[in-house]
């Protein structure tokens, strides 16, 4: 085995790892944007609310301001979830590479973790961007509920699969 082959990521988990890296990259890009153009982004949210101030908010500027403020917190959640879930996905995939034989459940768990991490963090960004025009963060969350369910569900299934494959391998070694 060549030195490079010894350190190569197994093909069976590459897709999951790529999605996990995309989630982390998404987080870094959002963080950079927040640092570079935070006021412009907040202004865009505010403009989105102002465009429907009369029709959606019935000229209640305080209600619009509250929704815009909460929308910004949803965008922050997108940044935080992308980094955290992406890192958890990558570390879980690394543990499975090191400990398991990468059977079907491990390969599926890898993909579920990566896709789930990206989907769930993107969901928060979409909810944050949509809320001012919809008039509420609740309506915005409902509008992306399917993405939230898929993303969170995949993360949970991926983590359970990781625990199953790693636990099975570790306990089978301990029994010998």
Protein backbone atom coordinates (compact mmCIF):
# COMPACT_ATOMS: atom_id res chain seq x y z
CA UNK A 1 0.00 0.00 0.00
CA UNK A 2 1.40 3.37 -0.96
CA UNK A 3 1.68 6.15 1.54
CA UNK A 4 -1.07 8.17 -0.20
CA UNK A 5 -3.41 5.15 -0.27
CA UNK A 6 -2.95 4.72 3.50
CA UNK A 7 -4.34 8.21 4.08
CA UNK A 8 -7.02 8.26 1.39
CA UNK A 9 -10.63 8.76 2.41
CA UNK A 10 -12.58 5.62 1.47
CA UNK A 11 -14.75 6.23 -1.58
CA UNK A 12 -17.82 4.94 0.23
CA UNK A 13 -17.91 7.96 2.57
CA UNK A 14 -16.64 10.70 0.26
CA UNK A 15 -20.12 12.02 -0.62
CA UNK A 16 -21.05 12.39 3.05
CA UNK A 17 -17.73 14.08 3.82
CA UNK A 18 -18.18 16.49 0.90
CA UNK A 19 -21.65 17.50 2.08
CA UNK A 20 -20.31 17.96 5.62
CA UNK A 21 -17.51 20.16 4.26
CA UNK A 22 -20.09 22.13 2.29
CA UNK A 23 -22.01 22.73 5.54
CA UNK A 24 -18.85 24.01 7.24
CA UNK A 25 -18.02 26.13 4.18
CA UNK A 26 -21.57 27.51 4.18
CA UNK A 27 -21.04 28.55 7.80
CA UNK A 28 -17.70 30.21 7.05
CA UNK A 29 -19.13 32.07 4.06
CA UNK A 30 -22.08 33.32 6.11
CA UNK A 31 -19.72 34.41 8.88
CA UNK A 32 -17.60 36.30 6.36
CA UNK A 33 -20.66 37.96 4.87
CA UNK A 34 -21.91 38.92 8.31
CA UNK A 35 -18.59 40.54 9.07
CA UNK A 36 -18.28 42.28 5.72
CA UNK A 37 -21.82 43.43 4.95
CA UNK A 38 -23.92 42.94 8.09
CA UNK A 39 -25.68 46.29 7.83
CA UNK A 40 -26.49 45.74 4.16
CA UNK A 41 -27.97 42.31 4.95
CA UNK A 42 -30.03 43.75 7.78
CA UNK A 43 -31.13 46.54 5.45
CA UNK A 44 -32.25 43.97 2.89
CA UNK A 45 -34.35 42.22 5.54
CA UNK A 46 -35.80 45.57 6.59
CA UNK A 47 -36.58 46.50 2.97
CA UNK A 48 -38.33 43.16 2.52
CA UNK A 49 -40.56 43.96 5.48
CA UNK A 50 -41.19 47.55 4.37
CA UNK A 51 -42.35 46.31 0.98
CA UNK A 52 -45.31 44.64 2.68
CA UNK A 53 -45.71 46.98 5.67
CA UNK A 54 -49.16 48.08 4.59
CA UNK A 55 -50.55 44.75 3.40
CA UNK A 56 -48.95 42.18 5.72
CA UNK A 57 -48.22 44.23 8.85
CA UNK A 58 -51.21 46.64 8.58
CA UNK A 59 -48.75 49.55 9.02
CA UNK A 60 -47.54 48.19 12.38
CA UNK A 61 -43.85 49.15 12.18
CA UNK A 62 -43.10 47.69 15.62
CA UNK A 63 -44.35 44.27 14.55
CA UNK A 64 -42.29 44.49 11.37
CA UNK A 65 -39.18 45.49 13.35
CA UNK A 66 -39.66 42.53 15.69
CA UNK A 67 -39.93 40.10 12.76
CA UNK A 68 -36.89 41.62 11.04
CA UNK A 69 -34.88 41.33 14.27
CA UNK A 70 -35.90 37.69 14.72
CA UNK A 71 -35.10 37.06 11.03
CA UNK A 72 -31.54 38.17 11.66
CA UNK A 73 -31.28 35.71 14.56
CA UNK A 74 -32.42 32.95 12.17
CA UNK A 75 -29.60 33.86 9.81
CA UNK A 76 -27.18 33.62 12.74
CA UNK A 77 -28.64 30.18 13.48
CA UNK A 78 -27.89 29.14 9.90
CA UNK A 79 -24.25 30.12 10.43
CA UNK A 80 -23.97 28.36 13.79
CA UNK A 81 -25.79 25.18 12.71
CA UNK A 82 -23.72 24.87 9.53
CA UNK A 83 -20.45 24.96 11.45
CA UNK A 84 -21.56 22.79 14.34
CA UNK A 85 -23.46 20.13 12.41
CA UNK A 86 -20.82 20.05 9.67
CA UNK A 87 -18.10 19.50 12.28
CA UNK A 88 -20.13 16.79 14.03
CA UNK A 89 -20.73 15.10 10.67
CA UNK A 90 -17.04 15.19 9.77
CA UNK A 91 -15.93 13.89 13.15
CA UNK A 92 -18.55 11.13 13.09
CA UNK A 93 -17.42 10.10 9.61
CA UNK A 94 -13.80 10.09 10.80
CA UNK A 95 -14.68 7.87 13.76
CA UNK A 96 -16.51 5.45 11.47
CA UNK A 97 -13.49 5.35 9.11
CA UNK A 98 -11.16 4.60 12.01
CA UNK A 99 -13.31 2.12 13.94
CA UNK A 100 -15.72 0.34 11.59
CA UNK A 101 -15.43 -1.68 8.39
CA UNK A 102 -17.69 0.88 6.63
CA UNK A 103 -20.57 -1.44 5.95
CA UNK A 104 -23.89 -0.35 4.52
CA UNK A 105 -25.13 1.38 7.70
CA UNK A 106 -21.88 3.33 8.10
CA UNK A 107 -21.92 4.46 4.46
CA UNK A 108 -25.56 5.49 4.69
CA UNK A 109 -24.93 7.25 8.02
CA UNK A 110 -22.08 9.22 6.45
CA UNK A 111 -24.32 10.49 3.67
CA UNK A 112 -27.20 11.22 6.06
CA UNK A 113 -24.95 13.24 8.37
CA UNK A 114 -23.46 15.33 5.56
CA UNK A 115 -26.70 16.05 3.71
CA UNK A 116 -28.58 16.64 6.96
CA UNK A 117 -26.00 19.13 8.23
CA UNK A 118 -26.19 21.18 5.04
CA UNK A 119 -29.98 20.95 4.66
CA UNK A 120 -30.73 21.98 8.24
CA UNK A 121 -28.46 25.00 8.17
CA UNK A 122 -29.80 26.12 4.78
CA UNK A 123 -33.31 25.83 6.22
CA UNK A 124 -32.52 28.47 8.87
CA UNK A 125 -31.16 30.84 6.23
CA UNK A 126 -34.26 30.41 4.07
CA UNK A 127 -36.56 30.99 7.06
CA UNK A 128 -34.64 34.13 8.00
CA UNK A 129 -34.78 35.54 4.49
CA UNK A 130 -38.49 34.77 4.03
CA UNK A 131 -39.87 35.95 7.38
CA UNK A 132 -40.03 39.73 6.77
CA UNK A 133 -42.06 39.32 3.58
CA UNK A 134 -44.35 36.73 5.17
CA UNK A 135 -45.02 38.80 8.28
CA UNK A 136 -43.89 36.27 10.86
CA UNK A 137 -41.07 33.92 11.68
CA UNK A 138 -43.64 31.21 12.38
CA UNK A 139 -44.94 31.43 8.82
CA UNK A 140 -41.38 31.39 7.53
CA UNK A 141 -40.55 28.24 9.51
CA UNK A 142 -43.73 26.58 8.24
CA UNK A 143 -42.76 27.45 4.68
CA UNK A 144 -39.51 25.49 5.01
CA UNK A 145 -40.80 22.82 7.39
CA UNK A 146 -40.11 19.96 4.96
CA UNK A 147 -36.46 20.98 4.70
CA UNK A 148 -36.23 21.21 8.49
CA UNK A 149 -37.71 17.74 8.94
CA UNK A 150 -35.47 16.20 6.28
CA UNK A 151 -32.33 17.93 7.57
CA UNK A 152 -32.89 17.21 11.26
CA UNK A 153 -34.13 13.70 10.52
CA UNK A 154 -31.07 12.86 8.46
CA UNK A 155 -28.77 14.22 11.17
CA UNK A 156 -30.50 12.13 13.83
CA UNK A 157 -30.51 8.99 11.67
CA UNK A 158 -26.87 9.52 10.76
CA UNK A 159 -25.89 9.93 14.39
CA UNK A 160 -27.88 6.85 15.41
CA UNK A 161 -26.21 4.89 12.60
CA UNK A 162 -22.82 6.09 13.76
CA UNK A 163 -23.54 5.05 17.33
CA UNK A 164 -24.81 1.66 16.12
CA UNK A 165 -21.84 0.87 13.87
CA UNK A 166 -19.18 2.15 16.26
CA UNK A 167 -20.86 0.61 19.32
CA UNK A 168 -21.29 -2.73 17.60
CA UNK A 169 -17.65 -2.78 16.53
CA UNK A 170 -16.34 -1.73 19.95
CA UNK A 171 -18.54 -4.14 21.93
CA UNK A 172 -17.74 -7.01 19.57
CA UNK A 173 -14.01 -6.38 20.18
CA UNK A 174 -14.55 -6.24 23.95
CA UNK A 175 -16.41 -9.57 23.92
CA UNK A 176 -13.46 -11.38 22.30
